[in-house]
N, C-alpha and C. Protein backbone atom coordinates (compact mmCIF):
# COMPACT_ATOMS: atom_id res chain seq x y z
N MET A 1 14.44 -11.38 7.01
CA MET A 1 13.50 -10.42 6.52
C MET A 1 13.81 -9.11 6.79
N GLU A 2 13.55 -8.37 6.13
CA GLU A 2 13.40 -6.73 6.38
C GLU A 2 12.48 -6.49 7.04
N ASN A 3 12.74 -5.34 7.92
CA ASN A 3 11.99 -5.26 9.36
C ASN A 3 11.83 -3.58 8.80
N GLU A 4 11.24 -3.36 7.82
CA GLU A 4 11.16 -1.97 7.52
C GLU A 4 9.90 -1.46 7.76
N LYS A 5 9.74 -0.05 8.23
CA LYS A 5 9.07 0.69 8.86
C LYS A 5 8.11 1.18 8.03
N SER A 6 6.61 1.29 8.25
CA SER A 6 5.76 2.03 7.20
C SER A 6 4.49 2.83 8.15
N ASP A 7 4.46 3.85 8.15
CA ASP A 7 3.36 4.74 8.87
C ASP A 7 2.05 4.94 7.98
N LEU A 8 1.19 5.36 8.56
CA LEU A 8 -0.17 5.64 8.06
C LEU A 8 -0.51 7.33 8.77
N THR A 9 -0.85 8.08 8.24
CA THR A 9 -1.48 9.40 8.70
C THR A 9 -2.91 9.38 7.64
N LEU A 10 -3.73 9.68 8.13
CA LEU A 10 -5.24 9.76 7.90
C LEU A 10 -5.92 10.99 8.87
N LEU A 11 -5.94 12.21 7.81
CA LEU A 11 -6.73 13.22 8.31
C LEU A 11 -8.13 13.42 7.79
N ASN A 12 -9.26 13.70 8.51
CA ASN A 12 -10.25 13.93 8.06
C ASN A 12 -10.99 12.98 7.19
N ARG A 13 -10.30 11.63 7.05
CA ARG A 13 -10.94 10.71 5.75
C ARG A 13 -10.69 11.07 4.55
N ASN A 14 -9.90 12.13 4.51
CA ASN A 14 -10.19 12.66 2.89
C ASN A 14 -8.52 12.84 2.56
N GLN A 15 -7.23 12.77 3.52
CA GLN A 15 -5.90 12.90 3.46
C GLN A 15 -5.22 11.93 4.07
N LEU A 16 -4.45 11.11 3.33
CA LEU A 16 -3.83 9.89 3.41
C LEU A 16 -2.11 9.77 3.28
N ASN A 17 -1.49 9.79 4.36
CA ASN A 17 -0.19 10.20 3.97
C ASN A 17 0.44 8.39 4.13
N VAL A 18 1.53 7.98 3.48
CA VAL A 18 1.83 6.58 3.70
C VAL A 18 3.27 6.75 3.83
N THR A 19 4.00 6.13 4.24
CA THR A 19 5.41 5.72 4.17
C THR A 19 5.99 4.67 3.73
N GLY A 20 7.02 4.10 3.78
CA GLY A 20 7.84 2.85 3.64
C GLY A 20 6.90 2.15 2.43
N VAL A 21 6.55 2.87 1.59
CA VAL A 21 5.93 2.46 0.15
C VAL A 21 7.20 2.10 -0.99
N LYS A 22 7.29 0.79 -1.64
CA LYS A 22 8.01 0.38 -2.52
C LYS A 22 7.39 0.38 -3.80
N LYS A 23 6.02 0.40 -4.09
CA LYS A 23 5.88 0.47 -5.16
C LYS A 23 3.91 0.99 -5.38
N ILE A 24 4.24 1.77 -6.50
CA ILE A 24 2.04 1.93 -6.45
C ILE A 24 1.54 1.04 -7.49
N LYS A 25 0.92 -0.22 -7.05
CA LYS A 25 0.93 -1.06 -7.89
C LYS A 25 -0.49 -0.85 -8.86
N SER A 26 -1.50 -0.09 -8.36
CA SER A 26 -2.38 0.35 -9.29
C SER A 26 -3.19 1.69 -8.72
N SER A 27 -3.67 2.49 -9.01
CA SER A 27 -4.10 3.88 -9.11
C SER A 27 -5.46 4.11 -9.87
N GLU A 28 -6.70 3.77 -9.22
CA GLU A 28 -8.06 4.07 -9.86
C GLU A 28 -8.81 5.16 -8.88
N PRO A 29 -9.82 5.54 -9.12
CA PRO A 29 -10.86 6.68 -8.47
C PRO A 29 -11.50 5.79 -7.15
N GLU A 30 -11.70 4.39 -7.31
CA GLU A 30 -12.41 3.40 -6.12
C GLU A 30 -11.07 2.81 -5.48
N GLN A 31 -9.92 2.63 -5.56
CA GLN A 31 -9.00 2.10 -5.03
C GLN A 31 -7.59 2.06 -5.68
N ILE A 32 -6.72 2.33 -4.54
CA ILE A 32 -5.52 2.30 -4.84
C ILE A 32 -4.69 1.22 -3.95
N VAL A 33 -3.72 0.77 -4.72
CA VAL A 33 -2.80 -0.61 -4.49
C VAL A 33 -1.52 -0.15 -3.96
N LEU A 34 -1.11 -0.24 -2.61
CA LEU A 34 0.37 0.25 -2.95
C LEU A 34 1.15 -1.11 -2.06
N VAL A 35 2.48 -1.27 -2.19
CA VAL A 35 3.12 -2.33 -2.07
C VAL A 35 3.92 -1.58 -1.02
N LEU A 36 4.25 -2.31 -0.03
CA LEU A 36 5.09 -2.00 1.29
C LEU A 36 6.09 -3.17 1.12
N ALA A 37 6.75 -3.26 2.47
CA ALA A 37 8.16 -4.16 2.49
C ALA A 37 7.33 -5.39 2.74
N ASN A 38 6.70 -5.77 3.45
CA ASN A 38 5.91 -6.95 3.71
C ASN A 38 4.61 -7.25 3.43
N ALA A 39 3.50 -6.26 2.68
CA ALA A 39 2.30 -6.61 2.43
C ALA A 39 1.67 -5.33 1.27
N ALA A 40 0.54 -5.76 1.31
CA ALA A 40 0.22 -4.75 0.12
C ALA A 40 -0.71 -3.89 0.84
N LEU A 41 -0.92 -2.62 0.32
CA LEU A 41 -2.36 -1.54 0.94
C LEU A 41 -3.30 -1.76 0.26
N VAL A 42 -4.46 -2.08 0.31
CA VAL A 42 -5.35 -1.63 -0.62
C VAL A 42 -6.11 -0.37 0.10
N ILE A 43 -6.15 0.77 -0.64
CA ILE A 43 -7.02 1.84 0.21
C ILE A 43 -8.70 2.03 -0.77
N GLY A 44 -9.48 1.35 -0.19
CA GLY A 44 -10.80 1.86 -1.02
C GLY A 44 -11.49 3.43 -0.48
N GLY A 45 -12.30 3.61 -1.69
CA GLY A 45 -12.80 5.00 -1.40
C GLY A 45 -13.30 5.50 -2.60
N THR A 46 -13.72 6.78 -2.38
CA THR A 46 -14.09 7.85 -3.75
C THR A 46 -13.56 8.72 -4.12
N ASN A 47 -12.87 8.89 -5.79
CA ASN A 47 -12.63 10.17 -5.86
C ASN A 47 -11.03 10.17 -5.37
N LEU A 48 -10.24 8.85 -5.03
CA LEU A 48 -9.07 8.77 -4.77
C LEU A 48 -8.09 9.10 -5.94
N PHE A 49 -6.91 10.17 -5.83
CA PHE A 49 -6.08 10.28 -6.67
C PHE A 49 -4.67 10.38 -5.87
N VAL A 50 -3.97 10.02 -6.36
CA VAL A 50 -2.42 10.44 -5.95
C VAL A 50 -1.88 11.68 -6.02
N VAL A 51 -1.81 12.17 -4.91
CA VAL A 51 -1.25 14.11 -4.96
C VAL A 51 -0.01 14.18 -5.34
N SER A 52 0.76 13.24 -4.44
CA SER A 52 2.66 12.88 -4.71
C SER A 52 3.01 11.95 -4.34
N ALA A 53 4.11 11.37 -5.19
CA ALA A 53 4.47 10.04 -4.60
C ALA A 53 6.36 10.34 -4.73
N SER A 54 6.84 9.69 -4.15
CA SER A 54 8.49 9.63 -4.07
C SER A 54 9.14 8.03 -3.69
N ILE A 55 9.01 7.56 -4.71
CA ILE A 55 9.45 5.97 -4.09
C ILE A 55 10.91 6.26 -3.74
N GLN A 56 11.73 7.11 -4.27
CA GLN A 56 12.83 6.91 -3.67
C GLN A 56 12.86 7.07 -1.83
N THR A 57 12.15 8.02 -1.58
CA THR A 57 11.92 8.25 -0.11
C THR A 57 10.65 7.25 0.47
N GLY A 58 10.02 6.98 -0.32
CA GLY A 58 8.77 5.89 0.18
C GLY A 58 7.51 6.46 0.77
N GLU A 59 7.51 7.84 0.59
CA GLU A 59 6.50 8.29 0.63
C GLU A 59 5.27 8.55 -0.57
N VAL A 60 3.79 8.68 -0.09
CA VAL A 60 2.83 8.62 -1.00
C VAL A 60 1.87 9.75 -0.13
N SER A 61 1.19 10.68 -1.05
CA SER A 61 0.17 11.73 -0.34
C SER A 61 -1.01 11.16 -1.29
N ILE A 62 -2.29 10.73 -0.34
CA ILE A 62 -3.56 10.68 -1.41
C ILE A 62 -4.35 11.42 -1.00
N SER A 63 -5.19 11.88 -1.75
CA SER A 63 -6.67 12.68 -1.45
C SER A 63 -7.76 12.03 -1.98
N GLY A 64 -8.75 12.46 -1.43
CA GLY A 64 -10.11 11.87 -1.82
C GLY A 64 -10.92 10.98 -0.57
N MET A 65 -11.69 10.58 -0.51
CA MET A 65 -12.84 9.98 0.46
C MET A 65 -12.34 8.82 0.75
N VAL A 66 -11.39 8.33 2.10
CA VAL A 66 -11.25 7.03 2.15
C VAL A 66 -11.98 6.35 2.87
N LYS A 67 -12.45 5.27 2.54
CA LYS A 67 -13.34 4.52 2.91
C LYS A 67 -13.03 3.08 3.92
N SER A 68 -12.03 2.39 3.06
CA SER A 68 -11.71 1.41 4.02
C SER A 68 -9.61 1.61 3.43
N LEU A 69 -9.13 0.67 4.53
CA LEU A 69 -7.85 0.65 4.56
C LEU A 69 -7.73 -0.98 4.65
N ARG A 70 -6.66 -1.62 4.06
CA ARG A 70 -6.69 -3.17 4.36
C ARG A 70 -5.59 -3.58 4.08
N TYR A 71 -5.06 -4.37 4.61
CA TYR A 71 -3.69 -5.12 4.33
C TYR A 71 -3.87 -6.30 3.63
N THR A 72 -3.37 -6.62 2.65
CA THR A 72 -3.26 -7.92 1.88
C THR A 72 -2.09 -8.74 1.53
N GLY A 73 -2.18 -10.26 1.76
CA GLY A 73 -0.52 -11.13 1.27
C GLY A 73 0.70 -10.71 2.01
N VAL A 74 1.34 -11.09 1.85
CA VAL A 74 2.68 -10.93 2.07
C VAL A 74 3.35 -11.09 1.24
N THR A 75 4.43 -9.43 1.00
CA THR A 75 5.13 -9.99 -0.34
C THR A 75 6.72 -10.00 0.08
N ASP A 76 6.95 -11.03 0.82
CA ASP A 76 7.95 -11.39 1.60
C ASP A 76 8.74 -11.81 0.02
N LYS A 77 10.20 -12.03 0.06
CA LYS A 77 10.79 -12.00 -0.97
C LYS A 77 10.98 -14.21 -0.69
N ARG A 78 10.23 -14.50 0.16
CA ARG A 78 10.45 -15.82 0.15
C ARG A 78 9.14 -16.29 -0.15
N LYS A 79 8.76 -17.10 -1.44
CA LYS A 79 7.34 -17.04 -2.14
C LYS A 79 6.99 -18.66 -1.92
N PHE A 80 5.76 -18.67 -1.75
CA PHE A 80 5.10 -19.95 -1.23
C PHE A 80 4.88 -20.73 -2.65
N SER A 81 4.88 -22.15 -2.32
CA SER A 81 4.65 -22.87 -3.70
C SER A 81 4.23 -24.06 -3.08
N PHE A 82 3.04 -24.43 -3.61
CA PHE A 82 2.42 -25.61 -3.71
C PHE A 82 3.53 -27.09 -3.95
N LYS A 83 4.00 -26.74 -4.90
CA LYS A 83 5.60 -27.90 -5.38
C LYS A 83 6.19 -28.03 -4.01
N ASN A 84 6.47 -27.13 -3.10
CA ASN A 84 7.40 -27.08 -2.12
C ASN A 84 6.67 -27.59 -1.20
N MET A 85 5.57 -27.53 -0.89
CA MET A 85 4.71 -28.36 0.06
C MET A 85 4.48 -29.82 -0.06
N PHE A 86 4.24 -30.34 -0.86
CA PHE A 86 4.18 -31.70 -1.12
C PHE A 86 5.41 -32.44 -1.62
N ARG A 87 6.35 -32.24 -1.24
CA ARG A 87 7.67 -32.56 -1.47
C ARG A 87 7.56 -34.04 -0.44
């Protein structure tokens, strides 16, 4: 498994900088979802928008009122399967 680093910097709840981003899955004014190496980061808030993004460097800058940050799921290359569980 890759052990890639991801950093978050939140300034005054209205400027968020994230490193280690693999992909921007969705971007809406109330929620932005970023895919990191081992999880997805769901950013909740109001008037959110991506100010700048560089997938080559993995850096994303977001502006707007950040109300929540939540990691979800594991985006590991190994996929869970019920089929494998009941063998």
